[in-house]
Amino acid sequence: PKGQTHHIMGQYPHQLRPNGIALEDGGTVLLAHLGETQGGIFRLHANGAVAPAVRTVNGMPMPPANFVVKDCAGRIWVTISTRLTPRAADYRENASTGFIAVAEPGSDNATIVADGLGYTNECVVDEDSGVLWVNETFGRRLTRFTLTTDPEIALVERTTVCEFGCGTYPDGLALDEEGFLWVTSIVSNRVLRISPKGAVTVVLEDSDQAHLARTEKAYSTNTLGREHLDKAYGRTMKNISNLAFGGPLRNRLYLGNLLGDSLPYFDVGFTGVAMTHWNAALGALEKFIAS
């Protein structure tokens, strides 16, 4: 909380590229492995030990994994942005190879529960409302599913809540206690607050108009690539990819920047919904907080 940094070096035979992370009760951390051709969910312990948690989807090797989150029942939710290799081949308006999968507690195999998504990114599992929200980055939309558990877990009634326009590529996603969604956009460095009915308010923007124009032209001509994402053009923000509510009152927004070397934050007049890990026991991680 005071900004000190502690390094836990993962020990695993193969190089892992943790893109999404999720704190578990007891102090272990789930890692979504975004490899070049393969993915998986791995578990990191405070001593650096790493072990596979979920390696397959529908019995097949998991593609590169973007995001991971646990629900209150202990299920592990995973988003796969694309089945294409390289992933940049799906930086397209017509992207449709992404999916959402879920693994039951104790299972090392996930089951696809939503498919055909336009570059699946972060999701919010709103169990109280029976809803799952998800960003489709290059489909440029926020999507809602009805979440059912009887007789088994399923996502039904796919609904487009909001379609985004020029310069918005939705990536990070969080929910506040008024039922509004908070979305970050890469490239344009935007933070948006969106009503359950899809009304959009721009809370913050730190964009370069010339870069937005170049990116929009590439997107409209199906030539968007890594070169459009791998340089930061904001004055302060460095390609905002995600956000999370924190602080004692959960009204402080922390912003993850793909190309940044710091963790910016700002306070808002809204309270974020407590995620499942909010009161998690930290176990062996407690020593870092106490130091």
C-alpha atoms as a PDB file:
ATOM      1  CA  PRO A   1       0.000   0.000   0.000  1.00  0.00           C
ATOM      2  CA  LYS A   2       2.947   2.381   0.561  1.00  0.00           C
ATOM      3  CA  GLY A   3       4.521   1.585  -2.786  1.00  0.00           C
ATOM      4  CA  GLN A   4       7.282  -0.811  -1.789  1.00  0.00           C
ATOM      5  CA  THR A   5       7.976  -3.497  -4.377  1.00  0.00           C
ATOM      6  CA  HIS A   6       8.820  -7.124  -3.610  1.00  0.00           C
ATOM      7  CA  HIS A   7       9.870  -9.640  -6.241  1.00  0.00           C
ATOM      8  CA  ILE A   8       8.672 -13.237  -6.243  1.00  0.00           C
ATOM      9  CA  MET A   9      10.582 -15.020  -8.999  1.00  0.00           C
ATOM     10  CA  GLY A  10       8.574 -17.895 -10.422  1.00  0.00           C
ATOM     11  CA  GLN A  11      10.437 -21.195 -10.738  1.00  0.00           C
ATOM     12  CA  TYR A  12       9.189 -23.229 -13.696  1.00  0.00           C
ATOM     13  CA  PRO A  13      10.939 -25.251 -16.434  1.00  0.00           C
ATOM     14  CA  HIS A  14       9.352 -23.192 -19.212  1.00  0.00           C
ATOM     15  CA  GLN A  15       9.106 -19.423 -19.611  1.00  0.00           C
ATOM     16  CA  LEU A  16       5.717 -18.107 -18.562  1.00  0.00           C
ATOM     17  CA  ARG A  17       4.191 -14.805 -19.675  1.00  0.00           C
ATOM     18  CA  PRO A  18       1.661 -13.858 -17.005  1.00  0.00           C
ATOM     19  CA  ASN A  19      -0.870 -11.489 -18.560  1.00  0.00           C
ATOM     20  CA  GLY A  20      -3.794 -11.747 -16.129  1.00  0.00           C
ATOM     21  CA  ILE A  21      -3.408 -12.576 -12.433  1.00  0.00           C
ATOM     22  CA  ALA A  22      -5.855 -13.475  -9.670  1.00  0.00           C
ATOM     23  CA  LEU A  23      -5.157 -13.653  -5.936  1.00  0.00           C
ATOM     24  CA  GLU A  24      -6.490 -16.784  -4.219  1.00  0.00           C
ATOM     25  CA  ASP A  25      -7.453 -17.255  -0.597  1.00  0.00           C
ATOM     26  CA  GLY A  26      -4.326 -18.346   1.248  1.00  0.00           C
ATOM     27  CA  GLY A  27      -1.930 -16.199  -0.760  1.00  0.00           C
ATOM     28  CA  THR A  28      -1.368 -18.135  -3.976  1.00  0.00           C
ATOM     29  CA  VAL A  29      -1.762 -16.302  -7.279  1.00  0.00           C
ATOM     30  CA  LEU A  30      -3.237 -17.620 -10.515  1.00  0.00           C
ATOM     31  CA  LEU A  31      -1.370 -16.615 -13.676  1.00  0.00           C
ATOM     32  CA  ALA A  32      -2.907 -16.530 -17.166  1.00  0.00           C
ATOM     33  CA  HIS A  33      -0.060 -17.596 -19.474  1.00  0.00           C
ATOM     34  CA  LEU A  34      -0.059 -15.636 -22.733  1.00  0.00           C
ATOM     35  CA  GLY A  35       2.487 -17.651 -24.692  1.00  0.00           C
ATOM     36  CA  GLU A  36       3.155 -17.332 -28.390  1.00  0.00           C
ATOM     37  CA  THR A  37       1.201 -20.463 -29.293  1.00  0.00           C
ATOM     38  CA  GLN A  38       0.067 -22.038 -25.998  1.00  0.00           C
ATOM     39  CA  GLY A  39      -1.525 -20.882 -22.783  1.00  0.00           C
ATOM     40  CA  GLY A  40      -2.702 -22.261 -19.484  1.00  0.00           C
ATOM     41  CA  ILE A  41      -3.466 -21.166 -15.954  1.00  0.00           C
ATOM     42  CA  PHE A  42      -0.653 -21.643 -13.445  1.00  0.00           C
ATOM     43  CA  ARG A  43      -0.450 -21.213  -9.678  1.00  0.00           C
ATOM     44  CA  LEU A  44       2.365 -19.171  -8.101  1.00  0.00           C
ATOM     45  CA  HIS A  45       3.286 -19.637  -4.435  1.00  0.00           C
ATOM     46  CA  ALA A  46       4.978 -17.063  -2.213  1.00  0.00           C
ATOM     47  CA  ASN A  47       8.259 -19.013  -2.341  1.00  0.00           C
ATOM     48  CA  GLY A  48       8.306 -18.889  -6.158  1.00  0.00           C
ATOM     49  CA  ALA A  49       7.085 -22.434  -6.756  1.00  0.00           C
ATOM     50  CA  VAL A  50       4.826 -22.674  -9.817  1.00  0.00           C
ATOM     51  CA  ALA A  51       2.452 -25.500 -10.710  1.00  0.00           C
ATOM     52  CA  PRO A  52      -0.102 -25.985 -13.524  1.00  0.00           C
ATOM     53  CA  ALA A  53      -3.716 -25.361 -12.504  1.00  0.00           C
ATOM     54  CA  VAL A  54      -5.715 -25.557 -15.770  1.00  0.00           C
ATOM     55  CA  ARG A  55      -3.956 -26.697 -18.943  1.00  0.00           C
ATOM     56  CA  THR A  56      -6.730 -27.780 -21.307  1.00  0.00           C
ATOM     57  CA  VAL A  57     -10.033 -26.496 -22.712  1.00  0.00           C
ATOM     58  CA  ASN A  58     -12.619 -29.049 -23.795  1.00  0.00           C
ATOM     59  CA  GLY A  59      -9.834 -31.591 -23.493  1.00  0.00           C
ATOM     60  CA  MET A  60      -7.470 -29.776 -25.892  1.00  0.00           C
ATOM     61  CA  PRO A  61      -4.360 -27.676 -25.082  1.00  0.00           C
ATOM     62  CA  MET A  62      -5.358 -24.164 -24.010  1.00  0.00           C
ATOM     63  CA  PRO A  63      -4.512 -21.376 -26.473  1.00  0.00           C
ATOM     64  CA  PRO A  64      -2.707 -18.277 -25.149  1.00  0.00           C
ATOM     65  CA  ALA A  65      -4.742 -17.093 -22.126  1.00  0.00           C
ATOM     66  CA  ASN A  66      -5.548 -13.424 -21.619  1.00  0.00           C
ATOM     67  CA  PHE A  67      -7.369 -13.105 -18.289  1.00  0.00           C
ATOM     68  CA  VAL A  68      -8.261 -15.165 -15.228  1.00  0.00           C
ATOM     69  CA  VAL A  69     -10.628 -14.584 -12.313  1.00  0.00           C
ATOM     70  CA  LYS A  70     -12.207 -16.753  -9.609  1.00  0.00           C
ATOM     71  CA  ASP A  71     -15.849 -16.625  -8.571  1.00  0.00           C
ATOM     72  CA  CYS A  72     -17.320 -17.128  -5.102  1.00  0.00           C
ATOM     73  CA  ALA A  73     -17.807 -20.847  -5.755  1.00  0.00           C
ATOM     74  CA  GLY A  74     -14.114 -21.322  -6.548  1.00  0.00           C
ATOM     75  CA  ARG A  75     -14.584 -21.723 -10.293  1.00  0.00           C
ATOM     76  CA  ILE A  76     -11.759 -20.424 -12.477  1.00  0.00           C
ATOM     77  CA  TRP A  77     -12.921 -18.248 -15.397  1.00  0.00           C
ATOM     78  CA  VAL A  78     -10.579 -17.773 -18.346  1.00  0.00           C
ATOM     79  CA  THR A  79     -10.773 -15.560 -21.416  1.00  0.00           C
ATOM     80  CA  ILE A  80      -9.021 -16.515 -24.647  1.00  0.00           C
ATOM     81  CA  SER A  81      -8.753 -13.519 -26.954  1.00  0.00           C
ATOM     82  CA  THR A  82      -8.135 -15.402 -30.181  1.00  0.00           C
ATOM     83  CA  ARG A  83      -7.330 -18.799 -31.648  1.00  0.00           C
ATOM     84  CA  LEU A  84      -5.240 -17.195 -34.423  1.00  0.00           C
ATOM     85  CA  THR A  85      -1.435 -17.177 -34.510  1.00  0.00           C
ATOM     86  CA  PRO A  86       0.026 -14.607 -34.386  1.00  0.00           C
ATOM     87  CA  ARG A  87      -2.600 -12.900 -32.236  1.00  0.00           C
ATOM     88  CA  ALA A  88      -2.219  -9.666 -34.201  1.00  0.00           C
ATOM     89  CA  ALA A  89      -3.916 -11.408 -37.133  1.00  0.00           C
ATOM     90  CA  ASP A  90      -7.152 -10.971 -35.160  1.00  0.00           C
ATOM     91  CA  TYR A  91      -6.821  -7.218 -34.549  1.00  0.00           C
ATOM     92  CA  ARG A  92      -9.827  -6.955 -36.827  1.00  0.00           C
ATOM     93  CA  GLU A  93     -13.368  -5.606 -36.724  1.00  0.00           C
ATOM     94  CA  ASN A  94     -14.664  -9.039 -37.760  1.00  0.00           C
ATOM     95  CA  ALA A  95     -12.683 -10.922 -35.079  1.00  0.00           C
ATOM     96  CA  SER A  96     -14.723 -13.893 -33.859  1.00  0.00           C
ATOM     97  CA  THR A  97     -12.398 -16.615 -32.571  1.00  0.00           C
ATOM     98  CA  GLY A  98     -12.301 -15.584 -28.909  1.00  0.00           C
ATOM     99  CA  PHE A  99     -14.089 -17.444 -26.125  1.00  0.00           C
ATOM    100  CA  ILE A 100     -14.771 -17.726 -22.402  1.00  0.00           C
ATOM    101  CA  ALA A 101     -14.137 -20.952 -20.506  1.00  0.00           C
ATOM    102  CA  VAL A 102     -14.643 -22.045 -16.907  1.00  0.00           C
ATOM    103  CA  ALA A 103     -13.047 -24.782 -14.810  1.00  0.00           C
ATOM    104  CA  GLU A 104     -14.835 -26.267 -11.814  1.00  0.00           C
ATOM    105  CA  PRO A 105     -12.922 -26.331  -8.505  1.00  0.00           C
ATOM    106  CA  GLY A 106     -10.182 -28.958  -8.601  1.00  0.00           C
ATOM    107  CA  SER A 107     -10.439 -29.566 -12.350  1.00  0.00           C
ATOM    108  CA  ASP A 108      -7.488 -29.022 -14.683  1.00  0.00           C
ATOM    109  CA  ASN A 109      -9.780 -28.825 -17.721  1.00  0.00           C
ATOM    110  CA  ALA A 110     -11.970 -25.841 -18.605  1.00  0.00           C
ATOM    111  CA  THR A 111     -15.199 -25.924 -20.605  1.00  0.00           C
ATOM    112  CA  ILE A 112     -16.105 -23.314 -23.212  1.00  0.00           C
ATOM    113  CA  VAL A 113     -19.273 -21.483 -22.179  1.00  0.00           C
ATOM    114  CA  ALA A 114     -19.268 -18.617 -24.724  1.00  0.00           C
ATOM    115  CA  ASP A 115     -17.663 -18.617 -28.172  1.00  0.00           C
ATOM    116  CA  GLY A 116     -17.386 -16.448 -31.264  1.00  0.00           C
ATOM    117  CA  LEU A 117     -16.208 -13.318 -29.437  1.00  0.00           C
ATOM    118  CA  GLY A 118     -14.320 -10.421 -31.010  1.00  0.00           C
ATOM    119  CA  TYR A 119     -11.003 -10.639 -29.153  1.00  0.00           C
ATOM    120  CA  THR A 120     -12.141 -11.513 -25.638  1.00  0.00           C
ATOM    121  CA  ASN A 121     -10.557  -9.450 -22.896  1.00  0.00           C
ATOM    122  CA  GLU A 122     -11.392  -8.853 -19.227  1.00  0.00           C
ATOM    123  CA  CYS A 123     -14.672 -10.048 -17.765  1.00  0.00           C
ATOM    124  CA  VAL A 124     -16.641  -9.408 -14.577  1.00  0.00           C
ATOM    125  CA  VAL A 125     -18.586 -12.273 -12.995  1.00  0.00           C
ATOM    126  CA  ASP A 126     -21.513 -10.570 -11.222  1.00  0.00           C
ATOM    127  CA  GLU A 127     -22.952 -13.499  -9.296  1.00  0.00           C
ATOM    128  CA  ASP A 128     -25.363 -11.372  -7.251  1.00  0.00           C
ATOM    129  CA  SER A 129     -27.113 -10.251 -10.446  1.00  0.00           C
ATOM    130  CA  GLY A 130     -26.608 -13.494 -12.377  1.00  0.00           C
ATOM    131  CA  VAL A 131     -24.674 -11.689 -15.104  1.00  0.00           C
ATOM    132  CA  LEU A 132     -21.261 -11.877 -16.762  1.00  0.00           C
ATOM    133  CA  TRP A 133     -19.901  -8.792 -18.512  1.00  0.00           C
ATOM    134  CA  VAL A 134     -17.017  -9.009 -20.994  1.00  0.00           C
ATOM    135  CA  ASN A 135     -15.031  -6.682 -23.252  1.00  0.00           C
ATOM    136  CA  GLU A 136     -14.503  -7.586 -26.910  1.00  0.00           C
ATOM    137  CA  THR A 137     -11.475  -5.449 -27.713  1.00  0.00           C
ATOM    138  CA  PHE A 138     -11.387  -5.453 -31.499  1.00  0.00           C
ATOM    139  CA  GLY A 139     -15.085  -6.139 -31.855  1.00  0.00           C
ATOM    140  CA  ARG A 140     -15.212  -2.811 -29.939  1.00  0.00           C
ATOM    141  CA  ARG A 141     -18.163  -3.706 -27.757  1.00  0.00           C
ATOM    142  CA  LEU A 142     -19.174  -4.471 -24.189  1.00  0.00           C
ATOM    143  CA  THR A 143     -21.223  -7.658 -23.970  1.00  0.00           C
ATOM    144  CA  ARG A 144     -23.481  -9.099 -21.273  1.00  0.00           C
ATOM    145  CA  PHE A 145     -24.485 -12.721 -20.705  1.00  0.00           C
ATOM    146  CA  THR A 146     -27.022 -14.164 -18.314  1.00  0.00           C
ATOM    147  CA  LEU A 147     -25.211 -16.547 -15.966  1.00  0.00           C
ATOM    148  CA  THR A 148     -27.037 -19.773 -15.090  1.00  0.00           C
ATOM    149  CA  THR A 149     -25.930 -22.664 -12.873  1.00  0.00           C
ATOM    150  CA  ASP A 150     -28.853 -25.077 -13.149  1.00  0.00           C
ATOM    151  CA  PRO A 151     -28.302 -27.812 -14.114  1.00  0.00           C
ATOM    152  CA  GLU A 152     -24.744 -26.700 -14.968  1.00  0.00           C
ATOM    153  CA  ILE A 153     -22.802 -23.498 -15.473  1.00  0.00           C
ATOM    154  CA  ALA A 154     -23.764 -21.701 -18.687  1.00  0.00           C
ATOM    155  CA  LEU A 155     -23.768 -18.272 -20.341  1.00  0.00           C
ATOM    156  CA  VAL A 156     -26.939 -17.497 -22.295  1.00  0.00           C
ATOM    157  CA  GLU A 157     -28.824 -14.506 -23.741  1.00  0.00           C
ATOM    158  CA  ARG A 158     -25.837 -12.721 -25.265  1.00  0.00           C
ATOM    159  CA  THR A 159     -26.557  -8.971 -25.415  1.00  0.00           C
ATOM    160  CA  THR A 160     -24.499  -6.076 -26.775  1.00  0.00           C
ATOM    161  CA  VAL A 161     -24.621  -3.396 -24.079  1.00  0.00           C
ATOM    162  CA  CYS A 162     -22.457  -0.829 -25.839  1.00  0.00           C
ATOM    163  CA  GLU A 163     -20.701  -0.478 -29.193  1.00  0.00           C
ATOM    164  CA  PHE A 164     -17.679   1.799 -29.087  1.00  0.00           C
ATOM    165  CA  GLY A 165     -16.612   4.260 -31.737  1.00  0.00           C
ATOM    166  CA  CYS A 166     -13.408   5.771 -33.040  1.00  0.00           C
ATOM    167  CA  GLY A 167     -10.352   5.201 -30.877  1.00  0.00           C
ATOM    168  CA  THR A 168     -11.934   3.015 -28.201  1.00  0.00           C
ATOM    169  CA  TYR A 169     -10.589  -0.517 -27.843  1.00  0.00           C
ATOM    170  CA  PRO A 170     -12.070  -1.843 -24.573  1.00  0.00           C
ATOM    171  CA  ASP A 171      -9.627  -3.816 -22.464  1.00  0.00           C
ATOM    172  CA  GLY A 172      -9.931  -3.571 -18.651  1.00  0.00           C
ATOM    173  CA  LEU A 173     -13.267  -3.923 -16.868  1.00  0.00           C
ATOM    174  CA  ALA A 174     -14.541  -3.294 -13.332  1.00  0.00           C
ATOM    175  CA  LEU A 175     -17.947  -2.893 -11.669  1.00  0.00           C
ATOM    176  CA  ASP A 176     -19.071  -0.281  -9.152  1.00  0.00           C
ATOM    177  CA  GLU A 177     -21.776  -0.601  -6.518  1.00  0.00           C
ATOM    178  CA  GLU A 178     -24.249   1.427  -8.590  1.00  0.00           C
ATOM    179  CA  GLY A 179     -24.108  -1.234 -11.296  1.00  0.00           C
ATOM    180  CA  PHE A 180     -22.020   0.825 -13.719  1.00  0.00           C
ATOM    181  CA  LEU A 181     -19.086  -0.660 -15.627  1.00  0.00           C
ATOM    182  CA  TRP A 182     -15.669   0.976 -15.792  1.00  0.00           C
ATOM    183  CA  VAL A 183     -13.711   0.319 -18.984  1.00  0.00           C
ATOM    184  CA  THR A 184     -10.180   1.162 -20.038  1.00  0.00           C
ATOM    185  CA  SER A 185      -9.216   1.628 -23.659  1.00  0.00           C
ATOM    186  CA  ILE A 186      -5.767   0.915 -25.009  1.00  0.00           C
ATOM    187  CA  VAL A 187      -4.351   3.262 -27.684  1.00  0.00           C
ATOM    188  CA  SER A 188      -6.573   6.215 -26.664  1.00  0.00           C
ATOM    189  CA  ASN A 189      -5.810   5.960 -22.925  1.00  0.00           C
ATOM    190  CA  ARG A 190      -9.464   6.378 -22.023  1.00  0.00           C
ATOM    191  CA  VAL A 191     -11.299   5.468 -18.837  1.00  0.00           C
ATOM    192  CA  LEU A 192     -15.058   5.167 -19.406  1.00  0.00           C
ATOM    193  CA  ARG A 193     -17.988   4.718 -17.038  1.00  0.00           C
ATOM    194  CA  ILE A 194     -20.906   2.918 -18.668  1.00  0.00           C
ATOM    195  CA  SER A 195     -24.446   2.551 -17.399  1.00  0.00           C
ATOM    196  CA  PRO A 196     -26.150  -0.864 -17.438  1.00  0.00           C
ATOM    197  CA  LYS A 197     -28.126   0.428 -20.444  1.00  0.00           C
ATOM    198  CA  GLY A 198     -25.008   1.433 -22.372  1.00  0.00           C
ATOM    199  CA  ALA A 199     -24.712   5.211 -21.817  1.00  0.00           C
ATOM    200  CA  VAL A 200     -21.019   6.180 -21.888  1.00  0.00           C
ATOM    201  CA  THR A 201     -19.241   8.865 -19.853  1.00  0.00           C
ATOM    202  CA  VAL A 202     -15.568   9.639 -20.511  1.00  0.00           C
ATOM    203  CA  VAL A 203     -13.901   9.974 -17.104  1.00  0.00           C
ATOM    204  CA  LEU A 204     -10.319  10.396 -18.306  1.00  0.00           C
ATOM    205  CA  GLU A 205      -8.500  10.603 -21.638  1.00  0.00           C
ATOM    206  CA  ASP A 206      -4.834  11.091 -22.473  1.00  0.00           C
ATOM    207  CA  SER A 207      -4.612  10.505 -26.216  1.00  0.00           C
ATOM    208  CA  ASP A 208      -2.667  11.753 -29.200  1.00  0.00           C
ATOM    209  CA  GLN A 209      -5.005  12.672 -32.051  1.00  0.00           C
ATOM    210  CA  ALA A 210      -2.499  11.958 -34.817  1.00  0.00           C
ATOM    211  CA  HIS A 211      -1.823   8.503 -33.423  1.00  0.00           C
ATOM    212  CA  LEU A 212      -5.555   7.834 -33.068  1.00  0.00           C
ATOM    213  CA  ALA A 213      -6.041   8.787 -36.727  1.00  0.00           C
ATOM    214  CA  ARG A 214      -3.259   6.435 -37.851  1.00  0.00           C
ATOM    215  CA  THR A 215      -4.633   3.620 -35.735  1.00  0.00           C
ATOM    216  CA  GLU A 216      -8.196   4.158 -36.938  1.00  0.00           C
ATOM    217  CA  LYS A 217      -7.069   4.073 -40.573  1.00  0.00           C
ATOM    218  CA  ALA A 218      -5.200   0.814 -39.978  1.00  0.00           C
ATOM    219  CA  TYR A 219      -8.198  -0.674 -38.180  1.00  0.00           C
ATOM    220  CA  SER A 220     -10.578   0.265 -41.002  1.00  0.00           C
ATOM    221  CA  THR A 221      -8.250  -1.213 -43.643  1.00  0.00           C
ATOM    222  CA  ASN A 222      -7.487  -4.452 -41.732  1.00  0.00           C
ATOM    223  CA  THR A 223      -3.808  -3.560 -41.306  1.00  0.00           C
ATOM    224  CA  LEU A 224      -3.750  -2.907 -37.551  1.00  0.00           C
ATOM    225  CA  GLY A 225      -0.687  -4.551 -35.973  1.00  0.00           C
ATOM    226  CA  ARG A 226       1.696  -4.554 -33.045  1.00  0.00           C
ATOM    227  CA  GLU A 227       3.406  -1.429 -34.338  1.00  0.00           C
ATOM    228  CA  HIS A 228       0.244   0.536 -33.533  1.00  0.00           C
ATOM    229  CA  LEU A 229       0.144  -0.693 -29.917  1.00  0.00           C
ATOM    230  CA  ASP A 230       3.768  -0.896 -28.854  1.00  0.00           C
ATOM    231  CA  LYS A 231       4.552   2.809 -28.453  1.00  0.00           C
ATOM    232  CA  ALA A 232       3.031   5.128 -25.856  1.00  0.00           C
ATOM    233  CA  TYR A 233       1.726   8.465 -27.123  1.00  0.00           C
ATOM    234  CA  GLY A 234      -0.075   9.762 -24.011  1.00  0.00           C
ATOM    235  CA  ARG A 235       1.386  12.619 -22.001  1.00  0.00           C
ATOM    236  CA  THR A 236       1.085  10.729 -18.724  1.00  0.00           C
ATOM    237  CA  MET A 237      -0.708   7.450 -19.389  1.00  0.00           C
ATOM    238  CA  LYS A 238       1.217   4.710 -21.189  1.00  0.00           C
ATOM    239  CA  ASN A 239      -1.404   2.553 -22.900  1.00  0.00           C
ATOM    240  CA  ILE A 240      -3.961   1.859 -20.149  1.00  0.00           C
ATOM    241  CA  SER A 241      -4.879  -1.806 -20.198  1.00  0.00           C
ATOM    242  CA  ASN A 242      -6.763  -2.373 -16.956  1.00  0.00           C
ATOM    243  CA  LEU A 243      -8.088  -0.843 -13.771  1.00  0.00           C
ATOM    244  CA  ALA A 244      -9.003  -1.979 -10.280  1.00  0.00           C
ATOM    245  CA  PHE A 245     -10.776  -0.383  -7.331  1.00  0.00           C
ATOM    246  CA  GLY A 246      -8.681  -0.269  -4.180  1.00  0.00           C
ATOM    247  CA  GLY A 247      -7.922   1.770  -1.080  1.00  0.00           C
ATOM    248  CA  PRO A 248      -9.733   1.448   2.261  1.00  0.00           C
ATOM    249  CA  LEU A 249     -13.021   2.692   0.742  1.00  0.00           C
ATOM    250  CA  ARG A 250     -12.587   1.022  -2.677  1.00  0.00           C
ATOM    251  CA  ASN A 251     -12.926   4.423  -4.352  1.00  0.00           C
ATOM    252  CA  ARG A 252      -9.370   4.636  -5.660  1.00  0.00           C
ATOM    253  CA  LEU A 253      -8.794   3.489  -9.232  1.00  0.00           C
ATOM    254  CA  TYR A 254      -5.421   1.927  -9.968  1.00  0.00           C
ATOM    255  CA  LEU A 255      -4.492   1.898 -13.668  1.00  0.00           C
ATOM    256  CA  GLY A 256      -2.307  -0.769 -15.257  1.00  0.00           C
ATOM    257  CA  ASN A 257      -0.257   0.636 -18.148  1.00  0.00           C
ATOM    258  CA  LEU A 258       1.183  -1.810 -20.689  1.00  0.00           C
ATOM    259  CA  LEU A 259       4.128   0.456 -21.492  1.00  0.00           C
ATOM    260  CA  GLY A 260       4.485   2.223 -18.151  1.00  0.00           C
ATOM    261  CA  ASP A 261       6.962   1.804 -15.304  1.00  0.00           C
ATOM    262  CA  SER A 262       4.680   3.010 -12.520  1.00  0.00           C
ATOM    263  CA  LEU A 263       1.201   2.385 -11.100  1.00  0.00           C
ATOM    264  CA  PRO A 264      -0.924   5.553 -11.461  1.00  0.00           C
ATOM    265  CA  TYR A 265      -4.146   6.050  -9.511  1.00  0.00           C
ATOM    266  CA  PHE A 266      -6.859   8.609  -8.913  1.00  0.00           C
ATOM    267  CA  ASP A 267      -9.809   8.846  -6.538  1.00  0.00           C
ATOM    268  CA  VAL A 268     -13.419   8.822  -7.720  1.00  0.00           C
ATOM    269  CA  GLY A 269     -16.787   9.436  -6.090  1.00  0.00           C
ATOM    270  CA  PHE A 270     -17.888   5.836  -6.549  1.00  0.00           C
ATOM    271  CA  THR A 271     -17.259   2.583  -4.707  1.00  0.00           C
ATOM    272  CA  GLY A 272     -16.067  -0.490  -6.545  1.00  0.00           C
ATOM    273  CA  VAL A 273     -17.693  -3.856  -5.968  1.00  0.00           C
ATOM    274  CA  ALA A 274     -15.483  -6.055  -3.790  1.00  0.00           C
ATOM    275  CA  MET A 275     -14.008  -8.854  -5.886  1.00  0.00           C
ATOM    276  CA  THR A 276     -13.848 -12.370  -4.483  1.00  0.00           C
ATOM    277  CA  HIS A 277     -10.279 -11.902  -3.287  1.00  0.00           C
ATOM    278  CA  TRP A 278     -10.973  -8.666  -1.379  1.00  0.00           C
ATOM    279  CA  ASN A 279     -10.851 -10.319   2.051  1.00  0.00           C
ATOM    280  CA  ALA A 280      -8.605 -13.216   1.065  1.00  0.00           C
ATOM    281  CA  ALA A 281      -6.165 -14.518   3.674  1.00  0.00           C
ATOM    282  CA  LEU A 282      -2.695 -13.635   2.402  1.00  0.00           C
ATOM    283  CA  GLY A 283      -0.840 -16.525   4.004  1.00  0.00           C
ATOM    284  CA  ALA A 284       2.864 -16.293   3.290  1.00  0.00           C
ATOM    285  CA  LEU A 285       2.309 -13.051   1.349  1.00  0.00           C
ATOM    286  CA  GLU A 286       1.385 -11.305   4.604  1.00  0.00           C
ATOM    287  CA  LYS A 287       5.068 -10.656   5.368  1.00  0.00           C
ATOM    288  CA  PHE A 288       5.314  -8.374   2.359  1.00  0.00           C
ATOM    289  CA  ILE A 289       2.388  -6.224   3.473  1.00  0.00           C
ATOM    290  CA  ALA A 290       3.756  -5.987   6.996  1.00  0.00           C
ATOM    291  CA  SER A 291       7.209  -4.865   5.868  1.00  0.00           C
END
